[in-house]
Amino acid sequence: MFILAKHYDQAYKDHVSKLVVEQGRKASELSYELEISPKTISRWVKDYRTRINGGKPNETFITPTELEKLKKQHEKELEQLREENEILKKAMHIFTKNQA
């Protein structure tokens, strides 16, 4: 009996790896859903992490929840800077108006 090995293109491997790395899916769940060996998926994930970290596999990853928190924090800071900029524009207008 022969077992035919399936070959997947790199884009598919990266897609599956992103599901594990970025969305926190478990390799065991994906292996069941996609009918791929969990060892194969784990190997793809390891290779993916090595490639995206430039060969540094020990770097930490940001979860989608952490990403949302950072996004909200940056939006809040941006809004505060915009308000400060408007205040400075108004002050500049008042000071230049009084000098004329």
N, C-alpha and C. Protein backbone atom coordinates (compact mmCIF):
# COMPACT_ATOMS: atom_id res chain seq x y z
N MET A 1 0.84 -1.19 0.00
CA MET A 1 0.00 0.00 0.00
C MET A 1 0.88 1.24 0.00
N PHE A 2 0.58 2.16 -0.91
CA PHE A 2 1.34 3.39 -1.02
C PHE A 2 0.56 4.54 -0.43
N ILE A 3 1.27 5.40 0.32
CA ILE A 3 0.65 6.62 0.82
C ILE A 3 1.23 7.77 0.02
N LEU A 4 0.36 8.46 -0.68
CA LEU A 4 0.80 9.58 -1.49
C LEU A 4 0.94 10.83 -0.62
N ALA A 5 2.09 11.43 -0.70
CA ALA A 5 2.32 12.66 0.05
C ALA A 5 1.73 13.82 -0.74
N LYS A 6 1.00 14.66 -0.04
CA LYS A 6 0.44 15.83 -0.69
C LYS A 6 1.46 16.96 -0.62
N HIS A 7 1.53 17.73 -1.68
CA HIS A 7 2.44 18.86 -1.71
C HIS A 7 1.60 20.14 -1.73
N TYR A 8 1.94 21.06 -0.84
CA TYR A 8 1.21 22.31 -0.73
C TYR A 8 2.13 23.45 -1.12
N ASP A 9 1.57 24.45 -1.80
CA ASP A 9 2.40 25.59 -2.16
C ASP A 9 2.67 26.47 -0.93
N GLN A 10 3.66 27.33 -1.04
CA GLN A 10 4.10 28.14 0.09
C GLN A 10 3.00 29.07 0.58
N ALA A 11 2.18 29.58 -0.32
CA ALA A 11 1.11 30.49 0.09
C ALA A 11 0.12 29.77 1.02
N TYR A 12 -0.20 28.53 0.71
CA TYR A 12 -1.11 27.76 1.56
C TYR A 12 -0.48 27.47 2.91
N LYS A 13 0.79 27.11 2.92
CA LYS A 13 1.50 26.86 4.17
C LYS A 13 1.51 28.11 5.04
N ASP A 14 1.76 29.26 4.41
CA ASP A 14 1.77 30.53 5.15
C ASP A 14 0.40 30.86 5.70
N HIS A 15 -0.64 30.58 4.92
CA HIS A 15 -2.01 30.84 5.37
C HIS A 15 -2.32 30.02 6.62
N VAL A 16 -2.00 28.75 6.58
CA VAL A 16 -2.25 27.87 7.74
C VAL A 16 -1.41 28.33 8.93
N SER A 17 -0.17 28.71 8.68
CA SER A 17 0.72 29.18 9.75
C SER A 17 0.19 30.45 10.39
N LYS A 18 -0.35 31.35 9.57
CA LYS A 18 -0.92 32.60 10.10
C LYS A 18 -2.11 32.32 11.00
N LEU A 19 -2.89 31.31 10.66
CA LEU A 19 -4.02 30.95 11.51
C LEU A 19 -3.54 30.58 12.91
N VAL A 20 -2.41 29.90 12.99
CA VAL A 20 -1.85 29.50 14.28
C VAL A 20 -1.19 30.69 14.98
N VAL A 21 -0.34 31.41 14.25
CA VAL A 21 0.46 32.49 14.85
C VAL A 21 -0.37 33.72 15.17
N GLU A 22 -1.17 34.17 14.23
CA GLU A 22 -1.87 35.45 14.40
C GLU A 22 -3.26 35.32 15.01
N GLN A 23 -3.92 34.21 14.77
CA GLN A 23 -5.27 34.06 15.29
C GLN A 23 -5.35 33.12 16.48
N GLY A 24 -4.23 32.53 16.85
CA GLY A 24 -4.20 31.69 18.03
C GLY A 24 -4.89 30.34 17.88
N ARG A 25 -5.09 29.89 16.65
CA ARG A 25 -5.70 28.58 16.44
C ARG A 25 -4.72 27.49 16.85
N LYS A 26 -5.22 26.34 17.24
CA LYS A 26 -4.36 25.23 17.64
C LYS A 26 -4.05 24.36 16.42
N ALA A 27 -2.80 23.93 16.35
CA ALA A 27 -2.38 23.09 15.23
C ALA A 27 -3.18 21.79 15.20
N SER A 28 -3.52 21.28 16.38
CA SER A 28 -4.28 20.03 16.43
C SER A 28 -5.68 20.20 15.84
N GLU A 29 -6.32 21.34 16.11
CA GLU A 29 -7.65 21.60 15.55
C GLU A 29 -7.58 21.75 14.03
N LEU A 30 -6.59 22.52 13.59
CA LEU A 30 -6.44 22.73 12.15
C LEU A 30 -6.11 21.43 11.42
N SER A 31 -5.30 20.60 12.07
CA SER A 31 -4.95 19.33 11.41
C SER A 31 -6.18 18.48 11.18
N TYR A 32 -7.11 18.50 12.12
CA TYR A 32 -8.36 17.75 11.97
C TYR A 32 -9.21 18.35 10.86
N GLU A 33 -9.35 19.70 10.88
CA GLU A 33 -10.18 20.38 9.89
C GLU A 33 -9.62 20.24 8.47
N LEU A 34 -8.31 20.36 8.35
CA LEU A 34 -7.69 20.39 7.03
C LEU A 34 -7.14 19.04 6.58
N GLU A 35 -7.23 18.06 7.48
CA GLU A 35 -6.73 16.72 7.20
C GLU A 35 -5.24 16.74 6.85
N ILE A 36 -4.49 17.44 7.69
CA ILE A 36 -3.04 17.54 7.56
C ILE A 36 -2.45 17.11 8.90
N SER A 37 -1.34 16.44 8.88
CA SER A 37 -0.69 15.98 10.10
C SER A 37 -0.36 17.16 11.02
N PRO A 38 -0.60 17.03 12.33
CA PRO A 38 -0.24 18.12 13.25
C PRO A 38 1.26 18.41 13.24
N LYS A 39 2.07 17.38 13.02
CA LYS A 39 3.51 17.59 12.93
C LYS A 39 3.87 18.45 11.72
N THR A 40 3.16 18.23 10.63
CA THR A 40 3.40 19.02 9.43
C THR A 40 3.05 20.48 9.68
N ILE A 41 1.90 20.71 10.29
CA ILE A 41 1.49 22.09 10.58
C ILE A 41 2.47 22.74 11.54
N SER A 42 2.90 22.02 12.55
CA SER A 42 3.87 22.57 13.50
C SER A 42 5.18 22.94 12.80
N ARG A 43 5.60 22.12 11.87
CA ARG A 43 6.82 22.42 11.12
C ARG A 43 6.63 23.67 10.25
N TRP A 44 5.46 23.80 9.61
CA TRP A 44 5.17 24.98 8.81
C TRP A 44 5.20 26.24 9.68
N VAL A 45 4.61 26.14 10.86
CA VAL A 45 4.55 27.28 11.78
C VAL A 45 5.96 27.68 12.21
N LYS A 46 6.78 26.69 12.53
CA LYS A 46 8.16 26.97 12.93
C LYS A 46 8.91 27.68 11.80
N ASP A 47 8.78 27.17 10.58
CA ASP A 47 9.43 27.79 9.42
C ASP A 47 8.90 29.21 9.20
N TYR A 48 7.60 29.39 9.33
CA TYR A 48 6.97 30.70 9.14
C TYR A 48 7.51 31.71 10.15
N ARG A 49 7.54 31.31 11.41
CA ARG A 49 8.04 32.21 12.46
C ARG A 49 9.50 32.58 12.21
N THR A 50 10.28 31.62 11.77
CA THR A 50 11.69 31.90 11.48
C THR A 50 11.81 32.91 10.35
N ARG A 51 11.00 32.74 9.32
CA ARG A 51 11.07 33.67 8.18
C ARG A 51 10.60 35.07 8.55
N ILE A 52 9.50 35.21 9.28
CA ILE A 52 8.99 36.55 9.57
C ILE A 52 9.82 37.26 10.63
N ASN A 53 10.58 36.51 11.42
CA ASN A 53 11.43 37.13 12.44
C ASN A 53 12.87 37.27 11.98
N GLY A 54 13.12 37.01 10.72
CA GLY A 54 14.48 37.12 10.22
C GLY A 54 15.43 36.15 10.89
N GLY A 55 14.95 34.96 11.20
CA GLY A 55 15.80 33.95 11.82
C GLY A 55 15.83 34.01 13.32
N LYS A 56 14.97 34.82 13.93
CA LYS A 56 14.92 34.93 15.39
C LYS A 56 13.61 34.30 15.89
N PRO A 57 13.57 32.99 16.13
CA PRO A 57 12.32 32.33 16.49
C PRO A 57 11.82 32.63 17.90
N ASN A 58 12.61 33.28 18.75
CA ASN A 58 12.21 33.51 20.14
C ASN A 58 11.47 34.83 20.36
N GLU A 59 11.23 35.59 19.31
CA GLU A 59 10.54 36.86 19.48
C GLU A 59 9.07 36.61 19.80
N THR A 60 8.48 37.56 20.54
CA THR A 60 7.08 37.41 20.91
C THR A 60 6.18 37.94 19.80
N PHE A 61 4.95 37.47 19.82
CA PHE A 61 3.97 37.87 18.83
C PHE A 61 2.84 38.60 19.54
N ILE A 62 2.21 39.50 18.82
CA ILE A 62 1.09 40.26 19.36
C ILE A 62 -0.19 39.53 18.98
N THR A 63 -1.04 39.31 19.97
CA THR A 63 -2.32 38.67 19.70
C THR A 63 -3.28 39.70 19.10
N PRO A 64 -4.33 39.25 18.45
CA PRO A 64 -5.30 40.20 17.90
C PRO A 64 -5.89 41.12 18.96
N THR A 65 -6.09 40.63 20.18
CA THR A 65 -6.63 41.46 21.25
C THR A 65 -5.62 42.54 21.64
N GLU A 66 -4.35 42.16 21.74
CA GLU A 66 -3.32 43.15 22.06
C GLU A 66 -3.20 44.18 20.95
N LEU A 67 -3.35 43.73 19.71
CA LEU A 67 -3.29 44.64 18.58
C LEU A 67 -4.42 45.66 18.65
N GLU A 68 -5.62 45.22 19.00
CA GLU A 68 -6.75 46.14 19.14
C GLU A 68 -6.50 47.17 20.24
N LYS A 69 -5.93 46.73 21.37
CA LYS A 69 -5.63 47.65 22.47
C LYS A 69 -4.62 48.70 22.01
N LEU A 70 -3.58 48.26 21.30
CA LEU A 70 -2.58 49.21 20.80
C LEU A 70 -3.19 50.18 19.81
N LYS A 71 -4.07 49.67 18.96
CA LYS A 71 -4.72 50.52 17.98
C LYS A 71 -5.57 51.59 18.66
N LYS A 72 -6.34 51.19 19.68
CA LYS A 72 -7.17 52.15 20.41
C LYS A 72 -6.31 53.19 21.12
N GLN A 73 -5.20 52.73 21.70
CA GLN A 73 -4.29 53.65 22.40
C GLN A 73 -3.70 54.66 21.42
N HIS A 74 -3.29 54.20 20.24
CA HIS A 74 -2.72 55.10 19.24
C HIS A 74 -3.76 56.08 18.72
N GLU A 75 -4.98 55.61 18.53
CA GLU A 75 -6.05 56.50 18.07
C GLU A 75 -6.34 57.58 19.11
N LYS A 76 -6.32 57.20 20.39
CA LYS A 76 -6.55 58.16 21.47
C LYS A 76 -5.44 59.21 21.50
N GLU A 77 -4.19 58.76 21.37
CA GLU A 77 -3.06 59.68 21.36
C GLU A 77 -3.12 60.60 20.15
N LEU A 78 -3.52 60.06 19.01
CA LEU A 78 -3.63 60.86 17.79
C LEU A 78 -4.70 61.94 17.96
N GLU A 79 -5.83 61.58 18.54
CA GLU A 79 -6.90 62.55 18.77
C GLU A 79 -6.44 63.65 19.72
N GLN A 80 -5.71 63.28 20.76
CA GLN A 80 -5.21 64.27 21.71
C GLN A 80 -4.23 65.22 21.01
N LEU A 81 -3.37 64.69 20.17
CA LEU A 81 -2.42 65.55 19.44
C LEU A 81 -3.14 66.46 18.46
N ARG A 82 -4.20 65.99 17.85
CA ARG A 82 -4.98 66.84 16.95
C ARG A 82 -5.62 67.99 17.71
N GLU A 83 -6.17 67.69 18.90
CA GLU A 83 -6.77 68.75 19.71
C GLU A 83 -5.73 69.78 20.12
N GLU A 84 -4.56 69.31 20.55
CA GLU A 84 -3.49 70.23 20.92
C GLU A 84 -3.06 71.08 19.74
N ASN A 85 -3.01 70.49 18.56
CA ASN A 85 -2.64 71.22 17.36
C ASN A 85 -3.66 72.32 17.04
N GLU A 86 -4.94 72.01 17.19
CA GLU A 86 -5.99 73.02 16.96
C GLU A 86 -5.88 74.17 17.96
N ILE A 87 -5.59 73.84 19.22
CA ILE A 87 -5.42 74.89 20.24
C ILE A 87 -4.24 75.78 19.87
N LEU A 88 -3.15 75.20 19.45
CA LEU A 88 -1.98 75.98 19.06
C LEU A 88 -2.26 76.85 17.84
N LYS A 89 -3.02 76.35 16.90
CA LYS A 89 -3.39 77.14 15.72
C LYS A 89 -4.21 78.36 16.13
N LYS A 90 -5.17 78.15 17.05
CA LYS A 90 -6.00 79.26 17.51
C LYS A 90 -5.17 80.29 18.27
N ALA A 91 -4.26 79.81 19.12
CA ALA A 91 -3.40 80.73 19.87
C ALA A 91 -2.51 81.51 18.92
N MET A 92 -1.96 80.84 17.91
CA MET A 92 -1.11 81.52 16.93
C MET A 92 -1.90 82.58 16.19
N HIS A 93 -3.14 82.26 15.85
CA HIS A 93 -3.98 83.23 15.15
C HIS A 93 -4.25 84.46 16.03
N ILE A 94 -4.52 84.23 17.33
CA ILE A 94 -4.79 85.32 18.25
C ILE A 94 -3.55 86.20 18.43
N PHE A 95 -2.39 85.59 18.60
CA PHE A 95 -1.16 86.36 18.81
C PHE A 95 -0.75 87.13 17.57
N THR A 96 -0.91 86.56 16.40
CA THR A 96 -0.54 87.28 15.16
C THR A 96 -1.55 88.38 14.86
N LYS A 97 -2.78 88.22 15.27
CA LYS A 97 -3.83 89.22 15.05
C LYS A 97 -3.58 90.44 15.92
N ASN A 98 -3.12 90.24 17.16
CA ASN A 98 -2.86 91.34 18.08
C ASN A 98 -1.62 92.13 17.71
N GLN A 99 -0.70 91.55 16.97
CA GLN A 99 0.53 92.24 16.58
C GLN A 99 0.32 93.18 15.42
N ALA A 100 -0.72 92.96 14.64
CA ALA A 100 -0.94 93.77 13.45
C ALA A 100 -1.51 95.12 13.74
